[in-house]
Amino acid sequence: MKVRKRNTGNEEDFIPVKIVSAAIKAGASVELADELAKAAIEHFKGKEVVDSSELRAFVLGYLKEKDPKAYENWLRFDSKVKGISS
């Protein structure tokens, strides 16, 4: 599976460890971060290309349900560092 980047339109390989790393940085447990990456793999199974915004929406929805604090931290990071609003 490939991920289409929002700014450039370039496609790169989907690397689950990027989700794990970002979720842990947002405050999720290692177990939840692993669960999230596996859920994303399953959710998008069979798709050749996924837009990064679609992947982000899935990740945020999952975190919002499972760990609201990590969800808020992720949004804060996106807003301050990446300039992305929710």
C-alpha atoms as a PDB file:
ATOM      1  CA  MET A   1       0.000   0.000   0.000  1.00  0.00           C
ATOM      2  CA  LYS A   2       1.132   3.546  -0.713  1.00  0.00           C
ATOM      3  CA  VAL A   3       0.282   6.798   1.073  1.00  0.00           C
ATOM      4  CA  ARG A   4      -0.315   9.908  -1.049  1.00  0.00           C
ATOM      5  CA  LYS A   5       1.134  12.937   0.727  1.00  0.00           C
ATOM      6  CA  ARG A   6      -1.192  15.911   1.088  1.00  0.00           C
ATOM      7  CA  ASN A   7       1.251  18.676   0.123  1.00  0.00           C
ATOM      8  CA  THR A   8       3.113  17.137  -2.769  1.00  0.00           C
ATOM      9  CA  GLY A   9       0.892  14.379  -4.064  1.00  0.00           C
ATOM     10  CA  ASN A  10       3.919  12.079  -3.938  1.00  0.00           C
ATOM     11  CA  GLU A  11       3.328   8.497  -2.938  1.00  0.00           C
ATOM     12  CA  GLU A  12       5.431   6.623  -0.430  1.00  0.00           C
ATOM     13  CA  ASP A  13       5.251   3.180   1.087  1.00  0.00           C
ATOM     14  CA  PHE A  14       2.915   2.757   4.045  1.00  0.00           C
ATOM     15  CA  ILE A  15       5.143   2.164   7.071  1.00  0.00           C
ATOM     16  CA  PRO A  16       3.115   1.118  10.137  1.00  0.00           C
ATOM     17  CA  VAL A  17       5.952   1.978  12.533  1.00  0.00           C
ATOM     18  CA  LYS A  18       5.402   5.670  11.657  1.00  0.00           C
ATOM     19  CA  ILE A  19       1.918   5.420  13.183  1.00  0.00           C
ATOM     20  CA  VAL A  20       3.289   3.587  16.209  1.00  0.00           C
ATOM     21  CA  SER A  21       5.988   6.203  16.756  1.00  0.00           C
ATOM     22  CA  ALA A  22       3.644   9.171  16.355  1.00  0.00           C
ATOM     23  CA  ALA A  23       1.021   7.645  18.665  1.00  0.00           C
ATOM     24  CA  ILE A  24       3.619   7.004  21.375  1.00  0.00           C
ATOM     25  CA  LYS A  25       4.900  10.579  21.022  1.00  0.00           C
ATOM     26  CA  ALA A  26       1.305  11.740  21.488  1.00  0.00           C
ATOM     27  CA  GLY A  27       1.149   9.828  24.766  1.00  0.00           C
ATOM     28  CA  ALA A  28      -0.470   6.530  23.773  1.00  0.00           C
ATOM     29  CA  SER A  29       0.859   3.341  25.320  1.00  0.00           C
ATOM     30  CA  VAL A  30       3.036   1.066  23.217  1.00  0.00           C
ATOM     31  CA  GLU A  31       0.233  -1.512  23.285  1.00  0.00           C
ATOM     32  CA  LEU A  32      -2.349   0.974  22.009  1.00  0.00           C
ATOM     33  CA  ALA A  33       0.044   2.291  19.368  1.00  0.00           C
ATOM     34  CA  ASP A  34       0.619  -1.254  18.070  1.00  0.00           C
ATOM     35  CA  GLU A  35      -3.125  -1.926  18.132  1.00  0.00           C
ATOM     36  CA  LEU A  36      -3.720   1.282  16.182  1.00  0.00           C
ATOM     37  CA  ALA A  37      -1.203   0.376  13.472  1.00  0.00           C
ATOM     38  CA  LYS A  38      -2.742  -3.092  13.107  1.00  0.00           C
ATOM     39  CA  ALA A  39      -6.229  -1.582  12.916  1.00  0.00           C
ATOM     40  CA  ALA A  40      -5.063   0.804  10.172  1.00  0.00           C
ATOM     41  CA  ILE A  41      -3.559  -2.068   8.190  1.00  0.00           C
ATOM     42  CA  GLU A  42      -6.807  -3.993   8.461  1.00  0.00           C
ATOM     43  CA  HIS A  43      -8.995  -0.973   7.698  1.00  0.00           C
ATOM     44  CA  PHE A  44      -7.157  -0.090   4.495  1.00  0.00           C
ATOM     45  CA  LYS A  45      -6.413  -3.670   3.412  1.00  0.00           C
ATOM     46  CA  GLY A  46      -6.825  -4.090  -0.310  1.00  0.00           C
ATOM     47  CA  LYS A  47      -6.325  -0.413  -1.165  1.00  0.00           C
ATOM     48  CA  GLU A  48      -3.369   0.380  -3.370  1.00  0.00           C
ATOM     49  CA  VAL A  49      -3.188   4.086  -2.423  1.00  0.00           C
ATOM     50  CA  VAL A  50      -4.548   5.938   0.609  1.00  0.00           C
ATOM     51  CA  ASP A  51      -4.554   9.713   0.950  1.00  0.00           C
ATOM     52  CA  SER A  52      -2.636  10.853   4.009  1.00  0.00           C
ATOM     53  CA  SER A  53      -5.704  12.838   5.098  1.00  0.00           C
ATOM     54  CA  GLU A  54      -7.789   9.650   5.047  1.00  0.00           C
ATOM     55  CA  LEU A  55      -5.167   7.823   7.102  1.00  0.00           C
ATOM     56  CA  ARG A  56      -4.963  10.751   9.523  1.00  0.00           C
ATOM     57  CA  ALA A  57      -8.753  10.772   9.971  1.00  0.00           C
ATOM     58  CA  PHE A  58      -8.720   7.054  10.768  1.00  0.00           C
ATOM     59  CA  VAL A  59      -5.882   7.438  13.275  1.00  0.00           C
ATOM     60  CA  LEU A  60      -7.519  10.408  14.997  1.00  0.00           C
ATOM     61  CA  GLY A  61     -10.885   8.665  15.203  1.00  0.00           C
ATOM     62  CA  TYR A  62      -9.252   5.632  16.765  1.00  0.00           C
ATOM     63  CA  LEU A  63      -7.293   7.693  19.285  1.00  0.00           C
ATOM     64  CA  LYS A  64     -10.322   9.819  20.158  1.00  0.00           C
ATOM     65  CA  GLU A  65     -12.209   6.681  21.122  1.00  0.00           C
ATOM     66  CA  LYS A  66      -9.381   4.814  22.870  1.00  0.00           C
ATOM     67  CA  ASP A  67      -7.189   7.564  24.381  1.00  0.00           C
ATOM     68  CA  PRO A  68      -8.663  11.086  24.323  1.00  0.00           C
ATOM     69  CA  LYS A  69      -5.528  12.611  25.866  1.00  0.00           C
ATOM     70  CA  ALA A  70      -3.281  11.217  23.100  1.00  0.00           C
ATOM     71  CA  TYR A  71      -5.880  12.426  20.581  1.00  0.00           C
ATOM     72  CA  GLU A  72      -5.679  15.982  21.961  1.00  0.00           C
ATOM     73  CA  ASN A  73      -1.878  15.862  22.001  1.00  0.00           C
ATOM     74  CA  TRP A  74      -1.811  14.715  18.354  1.00  0.00           C
ATOM     75  CA  LEU A  75      -4.116  17.570  17.333  1.00  0.00           C
ATOM     76  CA  ARG A  76      -2.014  20.090  19.244  1.00  0.00           C
ATOM     77  CA  PHE A  77       1.158  18.873  17.507  1.00  0.00           C
ATOM     78  CA  ASP A  78      -0.499  18.990  14.074  1.00  0.00           C
ATOM     79  CA  SER A  79      -1.703  22.523  14.724  1.00  0.00           C
ATOM     80  CA  LYS A  80       1.535  23.957  16.099  1.00  0.00           C
ATOM     81  CA  VAL A  81       4.144  22.101  14.066  1.00  0.00           C
ATOM     82  CA  LYS A  82       2.410  21.165  10.826  1.00  0.00           C
ATOM     83  CA  GLY A  83      -0.153  23.956  10.632  1.00  0.00           C
ATOM     84  CA  ILE A  84      -2.961  21.422  10.199  1.00  0.00           C
ATOM     85  CA  SER A  85      -6.300  22.180  11.794  1.00  0.00           C
ATOM     86  CA  SER A  86      -8.797  19.482  12.599  1.00  0.00           C
END
